[in-house]
Amino acid sequence: MMRFVGRCAVILLGGMMCMPAGAGTGFTKLHKTHRVKPLKLQVARLLADPAVSRSHWGIAVTKMDGKPIYALNAGQFFQPASNAKLFTTAAAMALLGPETTFDTRVAARGVFDGTAKLTGDLVLIGGGDANLSGRALPYLSPAERPVPPPPAPAALRYLEQMADQVAATGLKVVNGDVVGDDTLFPWEPYAADWAIDDTIWGYGSPLSALTINDNQIKVTVTPGDAAGKPATVAIDPAVPYYTLDVSVTTGAAKSESSVQMERLLGSKVLHIYGAIALDAQPDVEEVAIQDPAEYAAIALKAMLEARGIEVTGVARSEHWDLRERRGFLDQTNEPLDPGLLDGRLGTGCGDAGRPELRAGEKVIASHQSSTLLEDVVATNKVSQNLHAELLLHHLGKRLTCTGSTAQGARVVRSFLENAGIDKDDFVFFDGSGLSGHDLVTPQATAKLLQYASTQPWFEDWKSSLPVGGVDGTLAGRFTQTPLKGHVFAKTGTLGEARALSGYIDCASGGTVIFSIMVDNHAPHSRADEAVMDKIVAAIAETN
């Protein structure tokens, strides 16, 4: 038997169970109406569901000080998917700093005749800015966004601004080329074991130090005005880059639509074929740009010509081809000197976000990025793969002078080891989690979350995590009390792997750390996600 005294239940056989003011009415009512089963029993019941019982599950739950609460296969490897972004963005916050910015510059490489004529090339120099796009920053949650929403900014607005700056110098003739220079980082467009069928789509776009519009274009297929007529295809931005091979017909009303898009790796021919029903909504897809630096050069050349500047040459790209790359393990086994990680040793690598000019180059236009913190928030909220990869390369550039994938992974590895995470608990081949070679244990993820909570950048970094029922990739999950607004976690999905790791405000009024990972769930099934969310609820209820 029990009776309630204030917010405490006095158990007449002895003892007291208190519900602090921070617990919330949802949890209070739950505890008053039934006795909560131990977390271990609840998890066992949930994972016995035939829809998920054949999958491989791993769970780690700890207090904020790292003291274990519950573990299931917590020391086994799982594919982290986009949980890898937790590790990359934490390293970036710690080692690059939340106020870091990156510069994109237009430089004249040649000889001026007064101000009107340049004999030489005009070079667009990429500084690794992830947000040369129409993305609005800082990120706003749906509740914070204005209603009605304002018109979306132009995708190439910052390139237009730099073209205006060039025109303002009085330049009228470029006797040379317009060059997209992304040599700040080696030309490694894809990390190890990225799926070949991901590379056509925006979420698998290639990495470049000269990133433009997230290195993707929007392709919209709209049905014709009658069945049997060709469909129409629109490209945004309207930059003449891909050759379109279109064979899409308009099907009868209520017929099945089946629009397909294909592009061979390295090709600039985009094949679009199939059928779209007469009454169907337009099919809108985000398609990756094959060579972002070349694309940016083509766009800038057209903008300069539209402003009355004659360009006699072509638009082209310049890459740093790291032909002598060693293998991943050769470059990453040796940890960095801890002095590099805590700032006691200078790297001698210069400003990672502002590449040095070559001899004879003169800057005539520039754009400074938003802060690293604003980019980290956007990266984690919407799970932006390309941006995480850029952060990885910046880490490699800043601390090892080589902004390669392998050196970025080496920096992250050294950061994690320095944070006290077991070196045998993780393997990263990229920064976003798209690589099928990435492996991590739930206990390593929980350790990272605990370590972050002790750092001066923690509150800013935690604010980058999606919030259950509120924003980002968790806007549609945990939408009811008591969990709405009380789950702060990074999602992850890759093939038949799923992950969710972060922090939960619990029934006790306190906060705990959790990491839940599942591999080999049934294809095309979301049963594991539903069970995962129930496990989160059980963690909150029992702690």
Protein backbone atom coordinates (compact mmCIF):
# COMPACT_ATOMS: atom_id res chain seq x y z
CA MET A 1 0.00 0.00 0.00
CA MET A 2 1.04 3.62 -0.45
CA ARG A 3 -0.29 7.10 0.19
CA PHE A 4 0.91 10.33 -1.42
CA VAL A 5 2.51 13.16 0.56
CA GLY A 6 3.03 16.11 -1.75
CA ARG A 7 4.94 14.66 -4.75
CA CYS A 8 6.16 11.62 -2.77
CA ALA A 9 4.55 8.23 -2.43
CA VAL A 10 5.04 6.79 1.04
CA ILE A 11 5.11 2.99 0.82
CA LEU A 12 3.45 1.84 4.03
CA LEU A 13 5.63 -1.24 4.25
CA GLY A 14 8.62 1.10 4.32
CA GLY A 15 10.41 3.55 2.03
CA MET A 16 9.47 6.53 -0.10
CA MET A 17 9.41 7.18 -3.86
CA CYS A 18 9.62 10.88 -4.83
CA MET A 19 8.62 12.63 -8.05
CA PRO A 20 10.54 15.91 -8.31
CA ALA A 21 8.89 19.00 -9.73
CA GLY A 22 10.83 18.59 -12.97
CA ALA A 23 9.31 15.20 -13.72
CA GLY A 24 6.23 16.53 -15.52
CA THR A 25 2.61 15.47 -15.27
CA GLY A 26 2.95 12.68 -17.82
CA PHE A 27 5.53 10.78 -15.84
CA THR A 28 3.83 11.56 -12.49
CA LYS A 29 0.53 10.08 -13.66
CA LEU A 30 2.32 7.04 -15.01
CA HIS A 31 3.97 6.28 -11.68
CA LYS A 32 0.75 6.77 -9.75
CA THR A 33 -1.20 4.28 -11.82
CA HIS A 34 1.15 1.30 -12.09
CA ARG A 35 4.40 -0.11 -10.88
CA VAL A 36 7.12 0.30 -13.48
CA LYS A 37 8.82 -2.88 -14.68
CA PRO A 38 12.63 -2.89 -14.65
CA LEU A 39 14.25 -1.67 -17.86
CA LYS A 40 15.86 -5.05 -18.50
CA LEU A 41 12.49 -6.77 -18.56
CA GLN A 42 10.89 -4.13 -20.77
CA VAL A 43 13.72 -4.31 -23.31
CA ALA A 44 13.61 -8.11 -23.36
CA ARG A 45 9.86 -8.05 -24.03
CA LEU A 46 10.22 -5.48 -26.82
CA LEU A 47 13.07 -7.31 -28.55
CA ALA A 48 11.14 -10.60 -28.43
CA ASP A 49 8.77 -9.21 -31.07
CA PRO A 50 9.17 -11.48 -34.14
CA ALA A 51 9.38 -8.39 -36.36
CA VAL A 52 12.70 -7.41 -34.76
CA SER A 53 13.98 -10.45 -32.88
CA ARG A 54 16.29 -11.60 -35.68
CA SER A 55 18.10 -8.27 -35.83
CA HIS A 56 21.32 -7.50 -33.97
CA TRP A 57 20.70 -5.00 -31.17
CA GLY A 58 23.09 -3.01 -29.01
CA ILE A 59 22.17 -0.66 -26.17
CA ALA A 60 24.16 1.42 -23.69
CA VAL A 61 22.50 3.59 -21.04
CA THR A 62 24.53 5.57 -18.51
CA LYS A 63 24.19 8.40 -16.07
CA MET A 64 25.65 11.75 -17.07
CA ASP A 65 28.80 10.91 -15.12
CA GLY A 66 29.22 7.71 -17.14
CA LYS A 67 28.02 5.28 -14.47
CA PRO A 68 26.36 2.32 -16.26
CA ILE A 69 22.60 1.85 -15.98
CA TYR A 70 21.90 -0.81 -18.61
CA ALA A 71 23.80 -2.54 -21.41
CA LEU A 72 23.02 -5.05 -24.14
CA ASN A 73 25.80 -6.00 -26.54
CA ALA A 74 27.26 -2.59 -25.71
CA GLY A 75 30.80 -3.65 -26.57
CA GLN A 76 29.94 -5.13 -29.97
CA PHE A 77 30.41 -3.39 -33.31
CA PHE A 78 27.52 -1.83 -35.24
CA GLN A 79 27.29 0.36 -38.30
CA PRO A 80 26.76 3.84 -36.86
CA ALA A 81 25.21 5.31 -40.03
CA SER A 82 24.71 9.02 -39.32
CA ASN A 83 25.59 8.57 -35.67
CA ALA A 84 29.12 9.01 -37.05
CA LYS A 85 28.30 12.73 -37.27
CA LEU A 86 28.31 12.86 -33.46
CA PHE A 87 32.02 12.01 -33.49
CA THR A 88 32.93 14.31 -36.40
CA THR A 89 31.05 17.36 -35.17
CA ALA A 90 32.29 16.96 -31.59
CA ALA A 91 35.89 16.85 -32.87
CA ALA A 92 35.23 19.92 -35.02
CA MET A 93 33.78 21.88 -32.11
CA ALA A 94 36.75 20.97 -29.91
CA LEU A 95 39.61 21.32 -32.40
CA LEU A 96 38.42 23.92 -34.93
CA GLY A 97 36.27 26.03 -32.63
CA PRO A 98 32.62 27.13 -32.91
CA GLU A 99 33.45 30.62 -34.25
CA THR A 100 35.68 29.42 -37.11
CA THR A 101 34.74 30.68 -40.58
CA PHE A 102 35.89 29.81 -44.10
CA ASP A 103 36.61 32.13 -47.03
CA THR A 104 35.82 31.72 -50.71
CA ARG A 105 37.79 34.09 -52.92
CA VAL A 106 38.02 35.18 -56.54
CA ALA A 107 41.60 35.91 -57.55
CA ALA A 108 43.15 37.28 -60.72
CA ARG A 109 46.03 35.08 -61.82
CA GLY A 110 47.89 37.06 -64.45
CA VAL A 111 48.72 40.62 -65.54
CA PHE A 112 46.34 43.58 -65.51
CA ASP A 113 46.23 46.28 -68.18
CA GLY A 114 44.81 49.04 -66.01
CA THR A 115 41.65 47.77 -64.33
CA ALA A 116 39.72 46.75 -67.42
CA LYS A 117 41.78 43.90 -68.88
CA LEU A 118 43.29 40.77 -67.35
CA THR A 119 45.66 38.61 -69.32
CA GLY A 120 45.44 35.40 -67.38
CA ASP A 121 42.86 33.39 -65.49
CA LEU A 122 40.17 34.38 -63.03
CA VAL A 123 40.23 31.79 -60.25
CA LEU A 124 37.42 30.92 -57.84
CA ILE A 125 39.29 29.51 -54.83
CA GLY A 126 37.34 27.19 -52.56
CA GLY A 127 37.94 27.46 -48.82
CA GLY A 128 35.75 24.54 -47.79
CA ASP A 129 32.63 26.62 -47.09
CA ALA A 130 29.71 24.18 -46.83
CA ASN A 131 27.06 26.88 -47.25
CA LEU A 132 27.58 28.55 -50.62
CA SER A 133 23.90 27.91 -51.18
CA GLY A 134 20.39 29.17 -50.55
CA ARG A 135 20.27 27.59 -47.08
CA ALA A 136 18.99 29.99 -44.44
CA LEU A 137 21.21 30.14 -41.35
CA PRO A 138 20.97 29.99 -38.43
CA TYR A 139 18.77 26.89 -38.49
CA LEU A 140 15.24 27.55 -37.19
CA SER A 141 12.91 24.89 -35.84
CA PRO A 142 9.48 24.67 -37.52
CA ALA A 143 7.89 26.64 -34.66
CA GLU A 144 10.40 29.45 -35.12
CA ARG A 145 9.95 29.85 -38.87
CA PRO A 146 7.90 32.80 -40.12
CA VAL A 147 4.40 32.18 -41.43
CA PRO A 148 3.93 32.47 -44.33
CA PRO A 149 7.50 31.49 -45.18
CA PRO A 150 9.49 34.08 -47.14
CA PRO A 151 10.70 33.23 -50.66
CA ALA A 152 13.67 30.86 -50.59
CA PRO A 153 17.01 32.59 -51.22
CA ALA A 154 18.59 31.95 -54.62
CA ALA A 155 20.77 28.84 -54.61
CA LEU A 156 23.74 30.69 -56.17
CA ARG A 157 23.28 34.00 -54.33
CA TYR A 158 26.82 34.18 -52.91
CA LEU A 159 28.35 33.45 -56.31
CA GLU A 160 26.23 36.29 -57.71
CA GLN A 161 27.54 38.59 -54.97
CA MET A 162 31.14 37.75 -55.85
CA ALA A 163 30.39 38.34 -59.55
CA ASP A 164 29.07 41.79 -58.56
CA GLN A 165 32.30 42.47 -56.67
CA VAL A 166 34.37 41.51 -59.72
CA ALA A 167 32.28 43.75 -61.97
CA ALA A 168 32.68 46.64 -59.51
CA THR A 169 36.46 46.60 -60.04
CA GLY A 170 35.95 47.78 -63.61
CA LEU A 171 37.15 44.54 -65.19
CA LYS A 172 35.85 44.17 -68.75
CA VAL A 173 37.97 41.48 -70.41
CA VAL A 174 39.50 38.23 -69.15
CA ASN A 175 41.95 36.87 -71.69
CA GLY A 176 42.01 33.47 -70.07
CA ASP A 177 39.84 30.93 -68.29
CA VAL A 178 37.52 30.95 -65.32
CA VAL A 179 38.90 28.30 -62.99
CA GLY A 180 37.21 26.52 -60.10
CA ASP A 181 40.07 25.74 -57.69
CA ASP A 182 39.33 23.16 -54.98
CA THR A 183 42.96 22.27 -54.20
CA LEU A 184 42.61 23.09 -50.50
CA PHE A 185 41.75 19.39 -50.12
CA PRO A 186 42.90 16.45 -52.26
CA TRP A 187 40.41 15.44 -54.94
CA GLU A 188 38.81 12.47 -53.17
CA PRO A 189 35.15 12.87 -54.10
CA TYR A 190 33.99 9.67 -52.36
CA ALA A 191 35.15 7.90 -49.22
CA ALA A 192 35.87 4.18 -49.00
CA ASP A 193 32.86 1.87 -49.48
CA TRP A 194 30.29 4.48 -50.40
CA ALA A 195 27.58 2.65 -52.33
CA ILE A 196 27.84 3.26 -56.08
CA ASP A 197 24.07 3.78 -56.35
CA ASP A 198 24.24 6.62 -53.79
CA THR A 199 26.54 8.76 -55.93
CA ILE A 200 23.82 9.98 -58.31
CA TRP A 201 21.77 11.53 -55.51
CA GLY A 202 22.28 14.68 -53.49
CA TYR A 203 22.81 12.83 -50.22
CA GLY A 204 25.80 11.06 -51.83
CA SER A 205 27.23 14.09 -53.64
CA PRO A 206 31.02 14.27 -54.09
CA LEU A 207 33.17 16.23 -51.71
CA SER A 208 34.99 19.33 -52.91
CA ALA A 209 36.69 22.26 -51.18
CA LEU A 210 34.66 24.35 -53.62
CA THR A 211 31.19 23.20 -52.62
CA ILE A 212 28.27 24.92 -54.35
CA ASN A 213 24.57 24.44 -53.50
CA ASP A 214 25.41 21.28 -51.53
CA ASN A 215 26.90 19.97 -54.79
CA GLN A 216 23.48 19.09 -56.12
CA ILE A 217 20.82 20.31 -58.52
CA LYS A 218 17.05 19.96 -58.37
CA VAL A 219 15.44 18.04 -61.23
CA THR A 220 11.67 18.40 -61.60
CA VAL A 221 9.67 16.14 -63.93
CA THR A 222 6.13 17.42 -64.64
CA PRO A 223 3.44 15.53 -66.60
CA GLY A 224 2.45 16.87 -69.99
CA ASP A 225 -0.99 18.33 -70.71
CA ALA A 226 -2.41 15.05 -72.02
CA ALA A 227 -1.78 11.32 -71.81
CA GLY A 228 0.81 10.23 -74.34
CA LYS A 229 2.52 13.63 -74.41
CA PRO A 230 6.15 14.02 -73.31
CA ALA A 231 6.72 15.13 -69.75
CA THR A 232 8.67 18.33 -69.12
CA VAL A 233 11.95 18.47 -67.20
CA ALA A 234 13.28 21.54 -65.39
CA ILE A 235 16.71 22.00 -63.82
CA ASP A 236 17.38 24.35 -60.89
CA PRO A 237 19.75 26.17 -60.86
CA ALA A 238 19.55 26.57 -64.64
CA VAL A 239 23.28 26.12 -65.25
CA PRO A 240 24.17 24.28 -68.49
CA TYR A 241 26.11 21.43 -66.94
CA TYR A 242 24.50 18.04 -67.59
CA THR A 243 23.41 16.83 -71.00
CA LEU A 244 19.86 15.57 -70.50
CA ASP A 245 18.68 12.42 -72.24
CA VAL A 246 14.94 12.54 -71.52
CA SER A 247 12.39 9.88 -72.40
CA VAL A 248 9.46 10.34 -70.00
CA THR A 249 5.90 9.98 -71.22
CA THR A 250 2.68 11.13 -69.61
CA GLY A 251 0.52 8.21 -68.54
CA ALA A 252 -3.24 8.09 -68.07
CA ALA A 253 -4.75 9.65 -64.96
CA LYS A 254 -4.40 7.41 -61.87
CA SER A 255 -1.85 5.22 -63.64
CA GLU A 256 1.37 4.23 -61.92
CA SER A 257 4.27 6.69 -62.18
CA SER A 258 7.78 5.33 -62.58
CA VAL A 259 10.32 8.06 -63.28
CA GLN A 260 13.91 6.81 -63.24
CA MET A 261 17.19 8.75 -63.30
CA GLU A 262 20.61 7.31 -64.05
CA ARG A 263 24.12 8.66 -64.55
CA LEU A 264 27.31 6.67 -64.90
CA LEU A 265 30.06 7.65 -62.48
CA GLY A 266 32.25 10.24 -64.21
CA SER A 267 29.64 10.97 -66.89
CA LYS A 268 27.90 14.29 -67.49
CA VAL A 269 24.93 12.69 -69.26
CA LEU A 270 21.84 12.38 -67.08
CA HIS A 271 19.33 9.81 -68.35
CA ILE A 272 15.72 10.43 -67.28
CA TYR A 273 13.11 7.95 -68.42
CA GLY A 274 9.85 6.23 -67.53
CA ALA A 275 6.30 7.51 -67.14
CA ILE A 276 4.41 9.96 -64.93
CA ALA A 277 0.64 9.96 -64.51
CA LEU A 278 -1.34 12.86 -65.94
CA ASP A 279 -2.71 13.76 -62.51
CA ALA A 280 0.49 13.10 -60.56
CA GLN A 281 2.38 15.73 -58.63
CA PRO A 282 5.72 16.71 -60.17
CA ASP A 283 8.54 14.29 -59.38
CA VAL A 284 11.32 16.32 -57.70
CA GLU A 285 14.76 14.78 -57.15
CA GLU A 286 18.09 16.11 -55.91
CA VAL A 287 20.86 14.96 -58.23
CA ALA A 288 24.56 15.18 -57.38
CA ILE A 289 26.94 17.40 -59.40
CA GLN A 290 29.76 15.34 -60.93
CA ASP A 291 32.53 17.99 -60.48
CA PRO A 292 31.43 20.83 -58.18
CA ALA A 293 34.48 23.01 -58.91
CA GLU A 294 33.86 22.81 -62.64
CA TYR A 295 30.16 23.52 -62.10
CA ALA A 296 30.98 26.60 -59.99
CA ALA A 297 33.36 27.86 -62.69
CA ILE A 298 30.71 27.43 -65.39
CA ALA A 299 28.17 29.31 -63.28
CA LEU A 300 30.58 32.15 -62.45
CA LYS A 301 31.64 32.54 -66.09
CA ALA A 302 27.99 32.94 -67.14
CA MET A 303 27.43 35.50 -64.35
CA LEU A 304 30.46 37.55 -65.41
CA GLU A 305 29.33 37.53 -69.04
CA ALA A 306 25.86 38.64 -67.95
CA ARG A 307 27.57 41.64 -66.31
CA GLY A 308 29.33 42.62 -69.51
CA ILE A 309 32.68 40.97 -68.81
CA GLU A 310 34.13 39.16 -71.81
CA VAL A 311 35.85 35.84 -71.08
CA THR A 312 37.89 34.49 -73.99
CA GLY A 313 38.69 31.11 -72.45
CA VAL A 314 36.70 28.27 -70.94
CA ALA A 315 35.36 27.31 -67.53
CA ARG A 316 37.35 24.48 -65.95
CA SER A 317 38.37 22.97 -62.63
CA GLU A 318 41.71 22.50 -60.90
CA HIS A 319 42.13 19.59 -58.49
CA TRP A 320 44.88 18.34 -56.23
CA ASP A 321 45.33 14.74 -57.32
CA LEU A 322 46.97 12.99 -54.40
CA ARG A 323 48.51 10.26 -56.53
CA GLU A 324 50.87 9.05 -53.83
CA ARG A 325 48.15 8.32 -51.27
CA ARG A 326 49.01 5.62 -48.81
CA GLY A 327 46.36 3.22 -47.53
CA PHE A 328 43.90 4.15 -44.81
CA LEU A 329 45.56 2.11 -42.07
CA ASP A 330 49.05 3.40 -42.90
CA GLN A 331 47.87 6.97 -42.38
CA THR A 332 45.69 6.50 -39.33
CA ASN A 333 47.38 4.06 -36.97
CA GLU A 334 49.82 6.60 -35.57
CA PRO A 335 48.03 8.97 -33.15
CA LEU A 336 48.68 12.69 -33.14
CA ASP A 337 50.76 14.32 -30.44
CA PRO A 338 48.31 15.35 -27.66
CA GLY A 339 49.89 18.78 -27.82
CA LEU A 340 48.26 19.31 -31.20
CA LEU A 341 44.87 18.41 -29.76
CA ASP A 342 44.99 20.82 -26.82
CA GLY A 343 46.62 23.68 -28.69
CA ARG A 344 50.01 23.53 -26.99
CA LEU A 345 51.75 22.83 -30.30
CA GLY A 346 51.28 24.91 -33.40
CA THR A 347 50.53 22.89 -36.52
CA GLY A 348 52.33 25.07 -39.00
CA CYS A 349 49.46 24.39 -41.40
CA GLY A 350 48.28 27.97 -41.76
CA ASP A 351 44.63 28.96 -41.86
CA ALA A 352 42.72 25.82 -42.85
CA GLY A 353 39.76 27.79 -44.17
CA ARG A 354 41.79 30.32 -46.17
CA PRO A 355 44.19 28.63 -48.58
CA GLU A 356 47.38 30.47 -49.44
CA LEU A 357 47.47 32.38 -52.70
CA ARG A 358 49.80 31.31 -55.46
CA ALA A 359 52.45 33.64 -56.77
CA GLY A 360 50.91 36.37 -58.90
CA GLU A 361 47.35 35.93 -57.61
CA LYS A 362 45.43 39.00 -56.44
CA VAL A 363 42.11 38.73 -54.60
CA ILE A 364 39.37 40.88 -56.15
CA ALA A 365 36.24 39.34 -54.53
CA SER A 366 35.45 37.21 -51.50
CA HIS A 367 32.76 35.74 -49.28
CA GLN A 368 33.07 34.71 -45.63
CA SER A 369 31.04 31.74 -44.42
CA SER A 370 28.72 31.52 -41.46
CA THR A 371 30.29 30.17 -38.27
CA LEU A 372 31.23 26.55 -37.78
CA LEU A 373 28.66 26.30 -34.98
CA GLU A 374 25.83 27.35 -37.30
CA ASP A 375 26.97 24.74 -39.78
CA VAL A 376 27.23 22.04 -37.10
CA VAL A 377 23.65 22.77 -36.03
CA ALA A 378 22.39 22.46 -39.61
CA THR A 379 24.52 19.35 -40.18
CA ASN A 380 23.17 17.44 -37.20
CA LYS A 381 19.58 18.67 -37.37
CA VAL A 382 19.01 17.57 -40.98
CA SER A 383 21.83 14.95 -41.07
CA GLN A 384 23.72 16.61 -43.93
CA ASN A 385 26.34 14.14 -45.18
CA LEU A 386 28.43 16.48 -47.32
CA HIS A 387 28.84 19.01 -44.53
CA ALA A 388 30.12 16.34 -42.14
CA GLU A 389 32.66 15.26 -44.75
CA LEU A 390 33.86 18.84 -45.16
CA LEU A 391 34.36 19.11 -41.40
CA LEU A 392 36.41 15.91 -41.48
CA HIS A 393 38.66 17.33 -44.20
CA HIS A 394 39.04 20.62 -42.36
CA LEU A 395 40.23 18.67 -39.31
CA GLY A 396 42.82 16.90 -41.41
CA LYS A 397 43.96 20.14 -43.01
CA ARG A 398 44.20 22.10 -39.77
CA LEU A 399 46.11 19.52 -37.74
CA THR A 400 48.12 17.55 -40.31
CA CYS A 401 48.35 20.02 -43.24
CA THR A 402 46.74 17.41 -45.54
CA GLY A 403 42.99 17.68 -45.83
CA SER A 404 42.53 14.10 -46.96
CA THR A 405 39.84 11.70 -45.80
CA ALA A 406 42.43 9.48 -44.12
CA GLN A 407 44.12 12.33 -42.27
CA GLY A 408 40.76 13.70 -41.13
CA ALA A 409 39.86 10.25 -39.80
CA ARG A 410 43.24 10.13 -38.08
CA VAL A 411 42.50 13.41 -36.30
CA VAL A 412 39.09 12.16 -35.15
CA ARG A 413 40.68 8.92 -33.92
CA SER A 414 43.30 10.83 -31.93
CA PHE A 415 40.64 13.15 -30.49
CA LEU A 416 38.55 10.18 -29.34
CA GLU A 417 41.49 8.35 -27.80
CA ASN A 418 42.47 11.56 -26.01
CA ALA A 419 38.89 11.73 -24.69
CA GLY A 420 39.33 8.32 -23.07
CA ILE A 421 37.43 6.22 -25.60
CA ASP A 422 38.88 2.77 -26.20
CA LYS A 423 40.73 2.74 -29.53
CA ASP A 424 39.30 -0.70 -30.29
CA ASP A 425 35.71 0.52 -29.96
CA PHE A 426 35.48 2.44 -33.25
CA VAL A 427 36.66 2.51 -36.87
CA PHE A 428 35.81 5.46 -39.11
CA PHE A 429 36.50 5.73 -42.83
CA ASP A 430 34.54 8.94 -43.36
CA GLY A 431 32.83 11.75 -41.45
CA SER A 432 29.17 11.20 -42.26
CA GLY A 433 28.61 7.47 -41.74
CA LEU A 434 27.87 6.68 -45.39
CA SER A 435 30.77 4.24 -45.51
CA GLY A 436 29.82 0.63 -44.95
CA HIS A 437 33.23 0.13 -43.31
CA ASP A 438 32.41 2.42 -40.36
CA LEU A 439 31.98 0.53 -37.09
CA VAL A 440 31.36 1.67 -33.52
CA THR A 441 30.15 0.24 -30.24
CA PRO A 442 27.22 1.67 -28.28
CA GLN A 443 29.50 2.04 -25.27
CA ALA A 444 31.92 4.21 -27.28
CA THR A 445 29.04 6.41 -28.39
CA ALA A 446 27.79 6.75 -24.82
CA LYS A 447 31.34 7.61 -23.70
CA LEU A 448 31.55 10.36 -26.32
CA LEU A 449 28.23 11.78 -25.15
CA GLN A 450 29.46 11.72 -21.54
CA TYR A 451 32.81 13.33 -22.45
CA ALA A 452 31.07 16.08 -24.44
CA SER A 453 28.95 16.97 -21.41
CA THR A 454 32.13 18.01 -19.54
CA GLN A 455 33.40 20.36 -22.26
CA PRO A 456 32.93 24.14 -22.59
CA TRP A 457 31.31 23.70 -26.01
CA PHE A 458 28.73 21.17 -24.76
CA GLU A 459 25.60 23.32 -24.62
CA ASP A 460 26.19 24.63 -28.14
CA TRP A 461 26.85 21.13 -29.44
CA LYS A 462 23.85 19.62 -27.67
CA SER A 463 21.70 22.33 -29.26
CA SER A 464 22.66 20.89 -32.65
CA LEU A 465 20.95 17.57 -31.92
CA PRO A 466 17.41 16.96 -33.21
CA VAL A 467 14.75 17.32 -30.52
CA GLY A 468 11.99 14.72 -30.26
CA GLY A 469 8.66 15.99 -31.62
CA VAL A 470 10.17 19.42 -32.29
CA ASP A 471 12.72 19.65 -35.09
CA GLY A 472 15.24 18.06 -37.42
CA THR A 473 15.11 14.34 -38.12
CA LEU A 474 13.15 13.76 -34.87
CA ALA A 475 10.32 16.17 -35.66
CA GLY A 476 8.00 13.26 -36.43
CA ARG A 477 9.08 11.02 -33.55
CA PHE A 478 8.34 11.33 -29.81
CA THR A 479 5.54 13.74 -30.61
CA GLN A 480 3.53 13.08 -27.42
CA THR A 481 4.13 13.90 -23.78
CA PRO A 482 6.09 13.08 -21.74
CA LEU A 483 8.86 12.62 -24.34
CA LYS A 484 8.10 15.53 -26.66
CA GLY A 485 10.85 18.09 -26.23
CA HIS A 486 12.80 15.81 -23.89
CA VAL A 487 14.77 13.59 -26.31
CA PHE A 488 17.94 15.17 -27.76
CA ALA A 489 19.51 12.67 -30.11
CA LYS A 490 21.16 11.97 -33.46
CA THR A 491 19.44 9.59 -35.82
CA GLY A 492 21.15 7.23 -38.25
CA THR A 493 19.91 5.13 -41.16
CA LEU A 494 21.99 3.20 -43.70
CA GLY A 495 20.67 0.17 -45.54
CA GLU A 496 19.57 -2.30 -42.88
CA ALA A 497 21.25 -0.40 -40.01
CA ARG A 498 19.65 2.15 -37.73
CA ALA A 499 20.89 4.11 -34.71
CA LEU A 500 19.71 6.68 -32.20
CA SER A 501 22.00 8.17 -29.56
CA GLY A 502 21.78 11.15 -27.28
CA TYR A 503 20.22 12.40 -24.05
CA ILE A 504 16.79 11.89 -22.39
CA ASP A 505 15.09 13.87 -19.65
CA CYS A 506 13.69 11.13 -17.41
CA ALA A 507 10.90 10.55 -14.91
CA SER A 508 13.25 11.37 -12.04
CA GLY A 509 13.80 14.85 -13.42
CA GLY A 510 17.37 13.93 -14.30
CA THR A 511 19.01 13.30 -17.66
CA VAL A 512 20.64 10.09 -18.87
CA ILE A 513 22.75 9.15 -21.88
CA PHE A 514 21.70 6.42 -24.29
CA SER A 515 22.86 4.77 -27.50
CA ILE A 516 20.68 2.27 -29.34
CA MET A 517 21.92 0.57 -32.50
CA VAL A 518 20.48 -2.16 -34.68
CA ASP A 519 22.03 -4.01 -37.61
CA ASN A 520 20.47 -6.42 -40.09
CA HIS A 521 16.86 -5.41 -39.63
CA ALA A 522 14.41 -6.63 -42.24
CA PRO A 523 14.71 -4.65 -45.50
CA HIS A 524 12.08 -1.98 -46.11
CA SER A 525 10.82 -2.38 -42.55
CA ARG A 526 10.42 0.31 -39.88
CA ALA A 527 9.47 -2.11 -37.12
CA ASP A 528 12.92 -1.65 -35.58
CA GLU A 529 12.41 2.12 -35.42
CA ALA A 530 9.09 1.69 -33.61
CA VAL A 531 10.69 -0.67 -31.08
CA MET A 532 13.66 1.68 -30.71
CA ASP A 533 11.31 4.50 -29.75
CA LYS A 534 9.57 2.27 -27.21
CA ILE A 535 12.95 1.46 -25.68
CA VAL A 536 13.65 5.19 -25.35
CA ALA A 537 10.31 5.60 -23.58
CA ALA A 538 11.18 2.71 -21.25
CA ILE A 539 14.54 4.30 -20.43
CA ALA A 540 12.85 7.57 -19.55
CA GLU A 541 10.15 5.84 -17.52
CA THR A 542 12.52 3.75 -15.41
CA ASN A 543 15.14 6.39 -14.61
